[in-house]
Structures are given as C-alpha cells and as structure tokens.
N, C-alpha and C. Protein backbone atom coordinates (compact mmCIF):
# COMPACT_ATOMS: atom_id res chain seq x y z
N MET A 1 -24.52 4.03 -4.33
CA MET A 1 -23.73 3.20 -3.45
C MET A 1 -22.72 4.08 -2.72
N PHE A 2 -22.56 3.85 -1.43
CA PHE A 2 -21.62 4.60 -0.60
C PHE A 2 -20.28 3.87 -0.58
N ILE A 3 -19.23 4.58 -0.90
CA ILE A 3 -17.89 4.01 -0.83
C ILE A 3 -17.10 4.78 0.22
N LYS A 4 -16.67 4.06 1.25
CA LYS A 4 -15.88 4.68 2.31
C LYS A 4 -14.48 4.98 1.78
N ARG A 5 -13.99 6.16 2.09
CA ARG A 5 -12.67 6.56 1.63
C ARG A 5 -11.60 6.22 2.66
N VAL A 6 -10.41 5.99 2.15
CA VAL A 6 -9.25 5.76 3.00
C VAL A 6 -8.64 7.12 3.33
N LYS A 7 -8.45 7.38 4.63
CA LYS A 7 -7.83 8.64 5.06
C LYS A 7 -6.34 8.60 4.74
N LEU A 8 -5.87 9.61 4.05
CA LEU A 8 -4.47 9.69 3.66
C LEU A 8 -3.59 9.95 4.88
N ILE A 9 -2.56 9.14 5.04
CA ILE A 9 -1.55 9.34 6.07
C ILE A 9 -0.21 9.38 5.35
N LEU A 10 0.45 10.53 5.42
CA LEU A 10 1.71 10.72 4.71
C LEU A 10 2.89 10.22 5.54
N GLN A 11 3.81 9.57 4.86
CA GLN A 11 5.04 9.15 5.52
C GLN A 11 5.96 10.35 5.64
N SER A 12 6.79 10.37 6.69
CA SER A 12 7.72 11.48 6.86
C SER A 12 9.15 11.07 6.51
N GLU A 13 9.38 9.78 6.32
CA GLU A 13 10.70 9.27 5.94
C GLU A 13 10.52 8.27 4.81
N ASP A 14 11.54 8.15 3.97
CA ASP A 14 11.47 7.20 2.85
C ASP A 14 11.20 5.77 3.32
N SER A 15 11.74 5.42 4.47
CA SER A 15 11.69 4.03 4.93
C SER A 15 10.37 3.63 5.59
N GLU A 16 9.43 4.56 5.77
CA GLU A 16 8.20 4.19 6.48
C GLU A 16 6.98 4.11 5.57
N CYS A 17 7.19 3.79 4.31
CA CYS A 17 6.06 3.65 3.39
C CYS A 17 5.12 2.53 3.83
N GLY A 18 5.68 1.42 4.26
CA GLY A 18 4.85 0.30 4.72
C GLY A 18 4.06 0.65 5.97
N GLN A 19 4.69 1.35 6.90
CA GLN A 19 4.00 1.76 8.12
C GLN A 19 2.85 2.71 7.81
N ALA A 20 3.06 3.63 6.87
CA ALA A 20 2.00 4.57 6.50
C ALA A 20 0.84 3.82 5.85
N CYS A 21 1.14 2.85 5.00
CA CYS A 21 0.09 2.03 4.37
C CYS A 21 -0.70 1.26 5.42
N LEU A 22 0.01 0.66 6.37
CA LEU A 22 -0.67 -0.09 7.42
C LEU A 22 -1.55 0.82 8.27
N ALA A 23 -1.06 2.00 8.61
CA ALA A 23 -1.86 2.95 9.40
C ALA A 23 -3.14 3.31 8.67
N MET A 24 -3.07 3.50 7.35
CA MET A 24 -4.26 3.82 6.57
C MET A 24 -5.26 2.66 6.57
N ILE A 25 -4.77 1.44 6.40
CA ILE A 25 -5.65 0.27 6.40
C ILE A 25 -6.28 0.09 7.78
N PHE A 26 -5.46 0.17 8.84
CA PHE A 26 -5.99 -0.01 10.20
C PHE A 26 -7.07 1.02 10.49
N ASN A 27 -6.84 2.27 10.12
CA ASN A 27 -7.82 3.32 10.38
C ASN A 27 -9.07 3.16 9.53
N TYR A 28 -8.94 2.67 8.33
CA TYR A 28 -10.09 2.41 7.46
C TYR A 28 -11.06 1.45 8.14
N TYR A 29 -10.51 0.44 8.82
CA TYR A 29 -11.33 -0.56 9.48
C TYR A 29 -11.66 -0.21 10.93
N GLY A 30 -11.39 1.03 11.34
CA GLY A 30 -11.81 1.49 12.65
C GLY A 30 -10.84 1.26 13.79
N TYR A 31 -9.63 0.84 13.48
CA TYR A 31 -8.62 0.66 14.52
C TYR A 31 -7.79 1.94 14.56
N GLY A 32 -7.79 2.61 15.69
CA GLY A 32 -7.10 3.89 15.82
C GLY A 32 -5.61 3.73 16.02
N ILE A 33 -4.94 3.13 15.07
CA ILE A 33 -3.49 2.92 15.18
C ILE A 33 -2.81 3.97 14.30
N SER A 34 -2.04 4.83 14.93
CA SER A 34 -1.42 5.95 14.22
C SER A 34 -0.04 5.57 13.68
N LEU A 35 0.44 6.38 12.77
CA LEU A 35 1.79 6.19 12.25
C LEU A 35 2.83 6.31 13.36
N PRO A 36 2.74 7.32 14.26
CA PRO A 36 3.70 7.37 15.37
C PRO A 36 3.68 6.11 16.25
N GLU A 37 2.49 5.54 16.45
CA GLU A 37 2.40 4.31 17.25
C GLU A 37 3.09 3.15 16.52
N LEU A 38 2.88 3.04 15.23
CA LEU A 38 3.55 2.00 14.46
C LEU A 38 5.06 2.22 14.46
N ARG A 39 5.49 3.47 14.35
CA ARG A 39 6.92 3.79 14.41
C ARG A 39 7.53 3.32 15.72
N LYS A 40 6.79 3.58 16.81
CA LYS A 40 7.29 3.24 18.15
C LYS A 40 7.39 1.72 18.34
N ASN A 41 6.37 0.99 17.91
CA ASN A 41 6.29 -0.44 18.19
C ASN A 41 6.84 -1.34 17.09
N HIS A 42 7.00 -0.81 15.90
CA HIS A 42 7.48 -1.60 14.76
C HIS A 42 8.43 -0.73 13.96
N SER A 43 9.72 -0.88 14.19
CA SER A 43 10.68 0.01 13.53
C SER A 43 10.67 -0.18 12.02
N ALA A 44 10.90 0.93 11.32
CA ALA A 44 10.94 0.91 9.85
C ALA A 44 12.19 0.19 9.37
N GLN A 45 12.12 -0.27 8.14
CA GLN A 45 13.23 -1.00 7.54
C GLN A 45 13.89 -0.14 6.48
N THR A 46 15.20 -0.18 6.43
CA THR A 46 15.89 0.56 5.38
C THR A 46 15.82 -0.25 4.09
N GLY A 47 15.80 0.45 2.98
CA GLY A 47 15.77 -0.23 1.69
C GLY A 47 14.40 -0.70 1.25
N GLY A 48 13.36 -0.27 1.94
CA GLY A 48 12.00 -0.66 1.55
C GLY A 48 11.41 -1.67 2.52
N THR A 49 10.11 -1.73 2.52
CA THR A 49 9.38 -2.59 3.45
C THR A 49 9.20 -3.97 2.85
N LYS A 50 9.53 -4.99 3.61
CA LYS A 50 9.37 -6.37 3.15
C LYS A 50 7.94 -6.84 3.41
N VAL A 51 7.47 -7.72 2.56
CA VAL A 51 6.12 -8.27 2.72
C VAL A 51 5.99 -8.98 4.06
N SER A 52 7.03 -9.67 4.49
CA SER A 52 6.97 -10.38 5.77
C SER A 52 6.74 -9.40 6.93
N TYR A 53 7.32 -8.20 6.86
CA TYR A 53 7.10 -7.18 7.88
C TYR A 53 5.64 -6.74 7.89
N LEU A 54 5.09 -6.48 6.70
CA LEU A 54 3.69 -6.06 6.60
C LEU A 54 2.77 -7.12 7.20
N MET A 55 3.02 -8.38 6.86
CA MET A 55 2.17 -9.47 7.34
C MET A 55 2.29 -9.65 8.85
N GLU A 56 3.51 -9.60 9.36
CA GLU A 56 3.73 -9.75 10.80
C GLU A 56 3.05 -8.63 11.59
N THR A 57 3.17 -7.41 11.11
CA THR A 57 2.55 -6.27 11.79
C THR A 57 1.03 -6.38 11.75
N CYS A 58 0.48 -6.80 10.62
CA CYS A 58 -0.97 -7.03 10.54
C CYS A 58 -1.41 -8.07 11.56
N ASN A 59 -0.70 -9.18 11.60
CA ASN A 59 -1.04 -10.25 12.55
C ASN A 59 -0.94 -9.77 13.99
N ASP A 60 0.06 -8.94 14.29
CA ASP A 60 0.23 -8.39 15.64
C ASP A 60 -0.97 -7.55 16.07
N HIS A 61 -1.70 -6.99 15.10
CA HIS A 61 -2.84 -6.12 15.40
C HIS A 61 -4.18 -6.79 15.09
N GLY A 62 -4.18 -8.11 14.96
CA GLY A 62 -5.43 -8.84 14.81
C GLY A 62 -5.97 -8.95 13.40
N PHE A 63 -5.18 -8.59 12.42
CA PHE A 63 -5.60 -8.72 11.02
C PHE A 63 -5.00 -10.00 10.43
N ARG A 64 -5.71 -10.56 9.49
CA ARG A 64 -5.19 -11.72 8.77
C ARG A 64 -4.65 -11.22 7.44
N ALA A 65 -3.36 -11.33 7.26
CA ALA A 65 -2.71 -10.86 6.04
C ALA A 65 -2.40 -12.05 5.13
N ILE A 66 -2.65 -11.86 3.85
CA ILE A 66 -2.36 -12.89 2.86
C ILE A 66 -1.58 -12.23 1.73
N ALA A 67 -0.49 -12.84 1.31
CA ALA A 67 0.31 -12.32 0.20
C ALA A 67 -0.01 -13.11 -1.06
N TYR A 68 -0.20 -12.38 -2.15
CA TYR A 68 -0.49 -12.99 -3.45
C TYR A 68 0.48 -12.44 -4.49
N SER A 69 0.74 -13.24 -5.49
CA SER A 69 1.42 -12.77 -6.69
C SER A 69 0.37 -12.78 -7.78
N LEU A 70 0.05 -11.60 -8.32
CA LEU A 70 -1.10 -11.47 -9.22
C LEU A 70 -0.73 -10.81 -10.54
N THR A 71 -1.58 -11.06 -11.52
CA THR A 71 -1.49 -10.34 -12.78
C THR A 71 -2.31 -9.06 -12.66
N ILE A 72 -2.14 -8.17 -13.60
CA ILE A 72 -2.92 -6.93 -13.61
C ILE A 72 -4.41 -7.24 -13.66
N GLU A 73 -4.81 -8.22 -14.44
CA GLU A 73 -6.23 -8.57 -14.55
C GLU A 73 -6.78 -9.07 -13.21
N GLU A 74 -5.97 -9.83 -12.48
CA GLU A 74 -6.42 -10.36 -11.19
C GLU A 74 -6.54 -9.27 -10.12
N LEU A 75 -5.77 -8.20 -10.28
CA LEU A 75 -5.84 -7.09 -9.31
C LEU A 75 -7.24 -6.50 -9.24
N ARG A 76 -7.94 -6.49 -10.35
CA ARG A 76 -9.28 -5.91 -10.39
C ARG A 76 -10.27 -6.65 -9.50
N LYS A 77 -9.97 -7.87 -9.12
CA LYS A 77 -10.88 -8.69 -8.32
C LYS A 77 -10.61 -8.57 -6.82
N LEU A 78 -9.58 -7.85 -6.43
CA LEU A 78 -9.23 -7.75 -5.02
C LEU A 78 -10.25 -6.93 -4.24
N THR A 79 -10.41 -7.28 -2.98
CA THR A 79 -11.22 -6.48 -2.06
C THR A 79 -10.39 -5.27 -1.66
N LEU A 80 -11.00 -4.11 -1.72
CA LEU A 80 -10.28 -2.89 -1.39
C LEU A 80 -10.73 -2.35 -0.04
N PRO A 81 -9.90 -1.66 0.69
CA PRO A 81 -8.54 -1.30 0.34
C PRO A 81 -7.58 -2.47 0.57
N CYS A 82 -6.47 -2.39 -0.10
CA CYS A 82 -5.41 -3.38 0.07
C CYS A 82 -4.07 -2.68 -0.15
N ILE A 83 -3.00 -3.35 0.16
CA ILE A 83 -1.66 -2.81 -0.05
C ILE A 83 -1.03 -3.56 -1.21
N LEU A 84 -0.57 -2.82 -2.20
CA LEU A 84 0.16 -3.43 -3.31
C LEU A 84 1.65 -3.23 -3.07
N HIS A 85 2.39 -4.30 -3.16
CA HIS A 85 3.84 -4.27 -2.93
C HIS A 85 4.52 -4.57 -4.26
N TRP A 86 5.00 -3.51 -4.91
CA TRP A 86 5.66 -3.67 -6.22
C TRP A 86 7.13 -3.98 -6.01
N ASN A 87 7.65 -4.87 -6.83
CA ASN A 87 9.10 -5.08 -6.89
C ASN A 87 9.59 -4.48 -8.19
N PHE A 88 10.31 -3.37 -8.11
CA PHE A 88 10.80 -2.70 -9.31
C PHE A 88 12.13 -3.26 -9.73
C-alpha cells in the first residue's frame, strides 16, 4: 500500500505553529499555499493558535474543517493527515 507523506514545513516563529500545520495540510492535498502566503493573508496569533482560527482559515481556502473533542482511542479512527490541537 502506498502512503503519501506530508511535506514538513517548519515554523520560524513560536506563534505560527497553526499556520505551518495548515500549510502542510494544504500542500498534502495539492493546494500550493505556502507558509509565507498564510503569514501575509492570515496573521499569526500570540499565545498559541485558536481552533476557530484554524477552522476559519481552512474555510477561506475551500476546506471543510470540523473540530472534535476525542479520547486517545478515538484518535486512531481519524482520517490522516489531520491537525491535533492540544490544550496543556
């Protein structure tokens, strides 16, 4: 079975973790949206990326985003790739 890999895109600032994750997801699905483009059009948030920001940015680019609260066991059933948003 062939498994397509997600191309790693590194964040350059602490506050752009969400933007880097979105850029990786967008590129995985063939949308050439770069981290600099996301930086330009969707400013990063201080203190961490909010789920609402991730969902709004996905919707702005034609993706349907759904937020779930899951157990560890339920995580195994998710379609990959996906973005996990931990609250520490």
